[in-house]
PDB file of N, CA and C in Angstrom:
ATOM      1  N   MET A   1       0.835  -1.167   0.000  1.00  0.00           N
ATOM      2  CA  MET A   1       0.000   0.000   0.000  1.00  0.00           C
ATOM      3  C   MET A   1       0.884   1.236   0.000  1.00  0.00           C
ATOM      4  N   TYR A   2       0.550   2.208  -0.805  1.00  0.00           N
ATOM      5  CA  TYR A   2       1.263   3.480  -0.861  1.00  0.00           C
ATOM      6  C   TYR A   2       0.367   4.574  -0.312  1.00  0.00           C
ATOM      7  N   ALA A   3       0.963   5.534   0.343  1.00  0.00           N
ATOM      8  CA  ALA A   3       0.241   6.718   0.817  1.00  0.00           C
ATOM      9  C   ALA A   3       0.896   7.929   0.173  1.00  0.00           C
ATOM     10  N   LEU A   4       0.113   8.710  -0.537  1.00  0.00           N
ATOM     11  CA  LEU A   4       0.609   9.907  -1.198  1.00  0.00           C
ATOM     12  C   LEU A   4      -0.162  11.110  -0.686  1.00  0.00           C
ATOM     13  N   ARG A   5       0.533  12.207  -0.458  1.00  0.00           N
ATOM     14  CA  ARG A   5      -0.133  13.433  -0.042  1.00  0.00           C
ATOM     15  C   ARG A   5      -0.482  14.249  -1.277  1.00  0.00           C
ATOM     16  N   GLY A   6      -1.633  14.886  -1.227  1.00  0.00           N
ATOM     17  CA  GLY A   6      -2.070  15.675  -2.371  1.00  0.00           C
ATOM     18  C   GLY A   6      -2.902  16.856  -1.941  1.00  0.00           C
ATOM     19  N   VAL A   7      -3.365  17.611  -2.949  1.00  0.00           N
ATOM     20  CA  VAL A   7      -4.175  18.795  -2.734  1.00  0.00           C
ATOM     21  C   VAL A   7      -5.465  18.635  -3.507  1.00  0.00           C
ATOM     22  N   TYR A   8      -6.574  18.925  -2.851  1.00  0.00           N
ATOM     23  CA  TYR A   8      -7.893  18.871  -3.496  1.00  0.00           C
ATOM     24  C   TYR A   8      -8.393  20.296  -3.639  1.00  0.00           C
ATOM     25  N   ASP A   9      -8.666  20.738  -4.866  1.00  0.00           N
ATOM     26  CA  ASP A   9      -9.092  22.113  -5.104  1.00  0.00           C
ATOM     27  C   ASP A   9     -10.594  22.240  -5.357  1.00  0.00           C
ATOM     28  N   GLY A  10     -11.335  21.214  -5.037  1.00  0.00           N
ATOM     29  CA  GLY A  10     -12.774  21.246  -5.246  1.00  0.00           C
ATOM     30  C   GLY A  10     -13.209  20.533  -6.511  1.00  0.00           C
ATOM     31  N   ARG A  11     -12.268  20.293  -7.414  1.00  0.00           N
ATOM     32  CA  ARG A  11     -12.577  19.595  -8.663  1.00  0.00           C
ATOM     33  C   ARG A  11     -11.721  18.357  -8.855  1.00  0.00           C
ATOM     34  N   GLN A  12     -10.467  18.448  -8.516  1.00  0.00           N
ATOM     35  CA  GLN A  12      -9.577  17.312  -8.744  1.00  0.00           C
ATOM     36  C   GLN A  12      -8.547  17.223  -7.626  1.00  0.00           C
ATOM     37  N   VAL A  13      -7.976  16.048  -7.497  1.00  0.00           N
ATOM     38  CA  VAL A  13      -6.920  15.804  -6.523  1.00  0.00           C
ATOM     39  C   VAL A  13      -5.606  15.755  -7.280  1.00  0.00           C
ATOM     40  N   ARG A  14      -4.633  16.533  -6.810  1.00  0.00           N
ATOM     41  CA  ARG A  14      -3.302  16.530  -7.428  1.00  0.00           C
ATOM     42  C   ARG A  14      -2.283  16.120  -6.378  1.00  0.00           C
ATOM     43  N   VAL A  15      -1.373  15.265  -6.759  1.00  0.00           N
ATOM     44  CA  VAL A  15      -0.307  14.824  -5.859  1.00  0.00           C
ATOM     45  C   VAL A  15       0.674  15.975  -5.679  1.00  0.00           C
ATOM     46  N   LEU A  16       1.169  16.155  -4.455  1.00  0.00           N
ATOM     47  CA  LEU A  16       2.161  17.192  -4.204  1.00  0.00           C
ATOM     48  C   LEU A  16       3.415  16.909  -5.021  1.00  0.00           C
ATOM     49  N   PRO A  17       4.065  17.955  -5.545  1.00  0.00           N
ATOM     50  CA  PRO A  17       5.246  17.757  -6.397  1.00  0.00           C
ATOM     51  C   PRO A  17       6.377  16.999  -5.715  1.00  0.00           C
ATOM     52  N   SER A  18       6.477  17.088  -4.403  1.00  0.00           N
ATOM     53  CA  SER A  18       7.577  16.428  -3.695  1.00  0.00           C
ATOM     54  C   SER A  18       7.311  14.944  -3.434  1.00  0.00           C
ATOM     55  N   GLU A  19       6.101  14.466  -3.731  1.00  0.00           N
ATOM     56  CA  GLU A  19       5.761  13.069  -3.463  1.00  0.00           C
ATOM     57  C   GLU A  19       6.266  12.162  -4.588  1.00  0.00           C
ATOM     58  N   PRO A  20       7.046  11.150  -4.255  1.00  0.00           N
ATOM     59  CA  PRO A  20       7.489  10.200  -5.286  1.00  0.00           C
ATOM     60  C   PRO A  20       6.328   9.283  -5.683  1.00  0.00           C
ATOM     61  N   LEU A  21       6.102   9.132  -6.971  1.00  0.00           N
ATOM     62  CA  LEU A  21       5.031   8.274  -7.471  1.00  0.00           C
ATOM     63  C   LEU A  21       5.577   6.892  -7.811  1.00  0.00           C
ATOM     64  N   PRO A  22       4.890   5.847  -7.384  1.00  0.00           N
ATOM     65  CA  PRO A  22       5.343   4.496  -7.738  1.00  0.00           C
ATOM     66  C   PRO A  22       5.014   4.202  -9.205  1.00  0.00           C
ATOM     67  N   ARG A  23       5.806   3.364  -9.834  1.00  0.00           N
ATOM     68  CA  ARG A  23       5.517   2.945 -11.208  1.00  0.00           C
ATOM     69  C   ARG A  23       4.430   1.870 -11.164  1.00  0.00           C
ATOM     70  N   VAL A  24       3.400   2.060 -11.969  1.00  0.00           N
ATOM     71  CA  VAL A  24       2.286   1.122 -11.992  1.00  0.00           C
ATOM     72  C   VAL A  24       2.030   0.736 -13.445  1.00  0.00           C
ATOM     73  N   ASN A  25       1.983  -0.570 -13.722  1.00  0.00           N
ATOM     74  CA  ASN A  25       1.764  -1.063 -15.076  1.00  0.00           C
ATOM     75  C   ASN A  25       0.370  -1.648 -15.269  1.00  0.00           C
ATOM     76  N   ARG A  26      -0.513  -1.423 -14.320  1.00  0.00           N
ATOM     77  CA  ARG A  26      -1.862  -1.974 -14.400  1.00  0.00           C
ATOM     78  C   ARG A  26      -2.806  -1.038 -13.655  1.00  0.00           C
ATOM     79  N   GLU A  27      -4.087  -1.313 -13.732  1.00  0.00           N
ATOM     80  CA  GLU A  27      -5.052  -0.524 -12.975  1.00  0.00           C
ATOM     81  C   GLU A  27      -4.952  -0.885 -11.502  1.00  0.00           C
ATOM     82  N   VAL A  28      -5.045   0.112 -10.662  1.00  0.00           N
ATOM     83  CA  VAL A  28      -4.982  -0.115  -9.226  1.00  0.00           C
ATOM     84  C   VAL A  28      -6.157   0.579  -8.557  1.00  0.00           C
ATOM     85  N   MET A  29      -6.574   0.038  -7.432  1.00  0.00           N
ATOM     86  CA  MET A  29      -7.645   0.657  -6.657  1.00  0.00           C
ATOM     87  C   MET A  29      -7.056   1.827  -5.879  1.00  0.00           C
ATOM     88  N   VAL A  30      -7.804   2.901  -5.765  1.00  0.00           N
ATOM     89  CA  VAL A  30      -7.344   4.095  -5.069  1.00  0.00           C
ATOM     90  C   VAL A  30      -8.377   4.472  -4.020  1.00  0.00           C
ATOM     91  N   ALA A  31      -7.929   4.789  -2.837  1.00  0.00           N
ATOM     92  CA  ALA A  31      -8.795   5.290  -1.777  1.00  0.00           C
ATOM     93  C   ALA A  31      -8.326   6.696  -1.426  1.00  0.00           C
ATOM     94  N   ILE A  32      -9.222   7.659  -1.492  1.00  0.00           N
ATOM     95  CA  ILE A  32      -8.892   9.036  -1.144  1.00  0.00           C
ATOM     96  C   ILE A  32      -9.435   9.299   0.257  1.00  0.00           C
ATOM     97  N   VAL A  33      -8.555   9.724   1.137  1.00  0.00           N
ATOM     98  CA  VAL A  33      -8.936   9.966   2.526  1.00  0.00           C
ATOM     99  C   VAL A  33      -8.694  11.437   2.836  1.00  0.00           C
ATOM    100  N   PHE A  34      -9.722  12.126   3.317  1.00  0.00           N
ATOM    101  CA  PHE A  34      -9.587  13.508   3.755  1.00  0.00           C
ATOM    102  C   PHE A  34      -9.341  13.479   5.259  1.00  0.00           C
ATOM    103  N   TRP A  35      -8.169  13.902   5.654  1.00  0.00           N
ATOM    104  CA  TRP A  35      -7.777  13.783   7.049  1.00  0.00           C
ATOM    105  C   TRP A  35      -8.443  14.806   7.952  1.00  0.00           C
ATOM    106  N   GLU A  36      -8.831  15.939   7.407  1.00  0.00           N
ATOM    107  CA  GLU A  36      -9.363  16.997   8.242  1.00  0.00           C
ATOM    108  C   GLU A  36     -10.637  17.540   7.620  1.00  0.00           C
ATOM    109  N   ASP A  37     -11.681  17.651   8.419  1.00  0.00           N
ATOM    110  CA  ASP A  37     -12.937  18.216   7.948  1.00  0.00           C
ATOM    111  C   ASP A  37     -12.893  19.711   8.188  1.00  0.00           C
ATOM    112  N   LEU A  38     -12.753  20.480   7.117  1.00  0.00           N
ATOM    113  CA  LEU A  38     -12.659  21.928   7.250  1.00  0.00           C
ATOM    114  C   LEU A  38     -14.054  22.532   7.281  1.00  0.00           C
ATOM    115  N   THR A  39     -14.543  22.788   8.468  1.00  0.00           N
ATOM    116  CA  THR A  39     -15.839  23.434   8.612  1.00  0.00           C
ATOM    117  C   THR A  39     -15.649  24.938   8.494  1.00  0.00           C
ATOM    118  N   THR A  40     -16.738  25.653   8.353  1.00  0.00           N
ATOM    119  CA  THR A  40     -16.674  27.109   8.247  1.00  0.00           C
ATOM    120  C   THR A  40     -16.029  27.697   9.499  1.00  0.00           C
ATOM    121  N   ASP A  41     -16.385  27.150  10.661  1.00  0.00           N
ATOM    122  CA  ASP A  41     -15.828  27.648  11.913  1.00  0.00           C
ATOM    123  C   ASP A  41     -14.316  27.443  11.943  1.00  0.00           C
ATOM    124  N   HIS A  42     -13.855  26.275  11.489  1.00  0.00           N
ATOM    125  CA  HIS A  42     -12.416  25.988  11.469  1.00  0.00           C
ATOM    126  C   HIS A  42     -11.703  26.931  10.506  1.00  0.00           C
ATOM    127  N   ALA A  43     -12.291  27.145   9.329  1.00  0.00           N
ATOM    128  CA  ALA A  43     -11.675  28.028   8.340  1.00  0.00           C
ATOM    129  C   ALA A  43     -11.569  29.449   8.885  1.00  0.00           C
ATOM    130  N   ALA A  44     -12.607  29.924   9.571  1.00  0.00           N
ATOM    131  CA  ALA A  44     -12.581  31.269  10.149  1.00  0.00           C
ATOM    132  C   ALA A  44     -11.501  31.368  11.218  1.00  0.00           C
ATOM    133  N   ARG A  45     -11.391  30.361  12.070  1.00  0.00           N
ATOM    134  CA  ARG A  45     -10.346  30.369  13.096  1.00  0.00           C
ATOM    135  C   ARG A  45      -8.964  30.340  12.465  1.00  0.00           C
ATOM    136  N   SER A  46      -8.815  29.580  11.382  1.00  0.00           N
ATOM    137  CA  SER A  46      -7.534  29.501  10.691  1.00  0.00           C
ATOM    138  C   SER A  46      -7.147  30.864  10.118  1.00  0.00           C
ATOM    139  N   GLN A  47      -8.102  31.550   9.481  1.00  0.00           N
ATOM    140  CA  GLN A  47      -7.831  32.883   8.930  1.00  0.00           C
ATOM    141  C   GLN A  47      -7.465  33.868  10.041  1.00  0.00           C
ATOM    142  N   TYR A  48      -8.170  33.773  11.178  1.00  0.00           N
ATOM    143  CA  TYR A  48      -7.871  34.643  12.308  1.00  0.00           C
ATOM    144  C   TYR A  48      -6.447  34.392  12.804  1.00  0.00           C
ATOM    145  N   GLU A  49      -6.060  33.141  12.894  1.00  0.00           N
ATOM    146  CA  GLU A  49      -4.717  32.795  13.370  1.00  0.00           C
ATOM    147  C   GLU A  49      -3.651  33.313  12.398  1.00  0.00           C
ATOM    148  N   ILE A  50      -3.890  33.191  11.111  1.00  0.00           N
ATOM    149  CA  ILE A  50      -2.938  33.701  10.111  1.00  0.00           C
ATOM    150  C   ILE A  50      -2.788  35.211  10.252  1.00  0.00           C
ATOM    151  N   ALA A  51      -3.913  35.918  10.376  1.00  0.00           N
ATOM    152  CA  ALA A  51      -3.865  37.379  10.529  1.00  0.00           C
ATOM    153  C   ALA A  51      -3.125  37.764  11.810  1.00  0.00           C
ATOM    154  N   ARG A  52      -3.347  37.024  12.897  1.00  0.00           N
ATOM    155  CA  ARG A  52      -2.669  37.310  14.158  1.00  0.00           C
ATOM    156  C   ARG A  52      -1.155  37.156  14.018  1.00  0.00           C
ATOM    157  N   ARG A  53      -0.728  36.077  13.340  1.00  0.00           N
ATOM    158  CA  ARG A  53       0.718  35.862  13.147  1.00  0.00           C
ATOM    159  C   ARG A  53       1.328  36.931  12.251  1.00  0.00           C
ATOM    160  N   MET A  54       0.588  37.371  11.215  1.00  0.00           N
ATOM    161  CA  MET A  54       1.102  38.420  10.325  1.00  0.00           C
ATOM    162  C   MET A  54       1.254  39.745  11.077  1.00  0.00           C
ATOM    163  N   ARG A  55       0.274  40.079  11.922  1.00  0.00           N
ATOM    164  CA  ARG A  55       0.379  41.316  12.717  1.00  0.00           C
ATOM    165  C   ARG A  55       1.561  41.244  13.673  1.00  0.00           C
ATOM    166  N   ALA A  56       1.758  40.088  14.301  1.00  0.00           N
ATOM    167  CA  ALA A  56       2.883  39.928  15.224  1.00  0.00           C
ATOM    168  C   ALA A  56       4.212  40.065  14.488  1.00  0.00           C
ATOM    169  N   ALA A  57       4.310  39.499  13.292  1.00  0.00           N
ATOM    170  CA  ALA A  57       5.542  39.614  12.506  1.00  0.00           C
ATOM    171  C   ALA A  57       5.776  41.067  12.098  1.00  0.00           C
ATOM    172  N   ARG A  58       4.712  41.772  11.737  1.00  0.00           N
ATOM    173  CA  ARG A  58       4.832  43.173  11.328  1.00  0.00           C
ATOM    174  C   ARG A  58       5.334  44.029  12.486  1.00  0.00           C
ATOM    175  N   GLU A  59       4.883  43.716  13.705  1.00  0.00           N
ATOM    176  CA  GLU A  59       5.292  44.491  14.877  1.00  0.00           C
ATOM    177  C   GLU A  59       6.786  44.350  15.159  1.00  0.00           C
ATOM    178  N   THR A  60       7.399  43.251  14.743  1.00  0.00           N
ATOM    179  CA  THR A  60       8.829  43.047  15.003  1.00  0.00           C
ATOM    180  C   THR A  60       9.711  43.739  13.977  1.00  0.00           C
ATOM    181  N   MET A  61       9.123  44.194  12.873  1.00  0.00           N
ATOM    182  CA  MET A  61       9.910  44.829  11.812  1.00  0.00           C
ATOM    183  C   MET A  61      10.115  46.311  12.119  1.00  0.00           C
ATOM    184  N   PRO A  62      11.301  46.818  11.823  1.00  0.00           N
ATOM    185  CA  PRO A  62      11.526  48.263  12.033  1.00  0.00           C
ATOM    186  C   PRO A  62      10.727  49.069  11.004  1.00  0.00           C
ATOM    187  N   PRO A  63      10.393  50.309  11.320  1.00  0.00           N
ATOM    188  CA  PRO A  63       9.648  51.121  10.350  1.00  0.00           C
ATOM    189  C   PRO A  63      10.498  51.408   9.111  1.00  0.00           C
ATOM    190  N   LEU A  64       9.834  51.662   8.012  1.00  0.00           N
ATOM    191  CA  LEU A  64      10.543  51.987   6.776  1.00  0.00           C
ATOM    192  C   LEU A  64      11.269  53.322   6.930  1.00  0.00           C
ATOM    193  N   PRO A  65      12.414  53.486   6.264  1.00  0.00           N
ATOM    194  CA  PRO A  65      13.167  54.731   6.400  1.00  0.00           C
ATOM    195  C   PRO A  65      12.486  55.920   5.713  1.00  0.00           C
ATOM    196  N   MET A  66      11.546  55.655   4.811  1.00  0.00           N
ATOM    197  CA  MET A  66      10.817  56.714   4.111  1.00  0.00           C
ATOM    198  C   MET A  66       9.456  56.167   3.698  1.00  0.00           C
ATOM    199  N   SER A  67       8.610  56.988   3.154  1.00  0.00           N
ATOM    200  CA  SER A  67       7.274  56.542   2.753  1.00  0.00           C
ATOM    201  C   SER A  67       7.378  55.581   1.566  1.00  0.00           C
ATOM    202  N   VAL A  68       6.326  54.800   1.360  1.00  0.00           N
ATOM    203  CA  VAL A  68       6.313  53.843   0.248  1.00  0.00           C
ATOM    204  C   VAL A  68       6.430  54.588  -1.079  1.00  0.00           C
ATOM    205  N   LYS A  69       5.739  55.719  -1.190  1.00  0.00           N
ATOM    206  CA  LYS A  69       5.822  56.523  -2.427  1.00  0.00           C
ATOM    207  C   LYS A  69       7.261  56.943  -2.699  1.00  0.00           C
ATOM    208  N   ASP A  70       7.958  57.427  -1.660  1.00  0.00           N
ATOM    209  CA  ASP A  70       9.358  57.835  -1.830  1.00  0.00           C
ATOM    210  C   ASP A  70      10.250  56.641  -2.181  1.00  0.00           C
ATOM    211  N   LEU A  71       9.979  55.470  -1.602  1.00  0.00           N
ATOM    212  CA  LEU A  71      10.749  54.274  -1.946  1.00  0.00           C
ATOM    213  C   LEU A  71      10.572  53.911  -3.414  1.00  0.00           C
ATOM    214  N   VAL A  72       9.329  54.003  -3.918  1.00  0.00           N
ATOM    215  CA  VAL A  72       9.070  53.699  -5.333  1.00  0.00           C
ATOM    216  C   VAL A  72       9.790  54.686  -6.220  1.00  0.00           C
ATOM    217  N   GLU A  73       9.684  55.962  -5.900  1.00  0.00           N
ATOM    218  CA  GLU A  73      10.371  56.998  -6.697  1.00  0.00           C
ATOM    219  C   GLU A  73      11.876  56.798  -6.678  1.00  0.00           C
ATOM    220  N   ASP A  74      12.414  56.451  -5.510  1.00  0.00           N
ATOM    221  CA  ASP A  74      13.854  56.230  -5.389  1.00  0.00           C
ATOM    222  C   ASP A  74      14.270  55.028  -6.238  1.00  0.00           C
ATOM    223  N   GLY A  75      13.437  53.985  -6.285  1.00  0.00           N
ATOM    224  CA  GLY A  75      13.728  52.812  -7.108  1.00  0.00           C
ATOM    225  C   GLY A  75      13.687  53.108  -8.592  1.00  0.00           C
ATOM    226  N   ARG A  76      12.808  54.025  -9.006  1.00  0.00           N
ATOM    227  CA  ARG A  76      12.720  54.396 -10.426  1.00  0.00           C
ATOM    228  C   ARG A  76      13.947  55.178 -10.867  1.00  0.00           C
ATOM    229  N   GLU A  77      14.515  55.949  -9.958  1.00  0.00           N
ATOM    230  CA  GLU A  77      15.674  56.788 -10.315  1.00  0.00           C
ATOM    231  C   GLU A  77      16.926  55.951 -10.488  1.00  0.00           C
ATOM    232  N   ARG A  78      16.973  54.755  -9.935  1.00  0.00           N
ATOM    233  CA  ARG A  78      18.189  53.940 -10.022  1.00  0.00           C
ATOM    234  C   ARG A  78      18.322  53.278 -11.329  1.00  0.00           C
TER     235      ARG A  78
END
């Protein structure tokens, strides 16, 4: 038995690029198992957690030395 990790986008299942595929010369039975049931509540909590981590990372960064507009203008002059 082989276990391969993949991604389901709502239409098809694709194997992750890093997963080695076995060579098969015949038809084989396949069982697709979804390990986690993503409910709306879980998805909302996940988005909240991502936003919380992004805000925390932003707080650790020093402020920019100039405005974004000035940075863009400075980049165009180079």
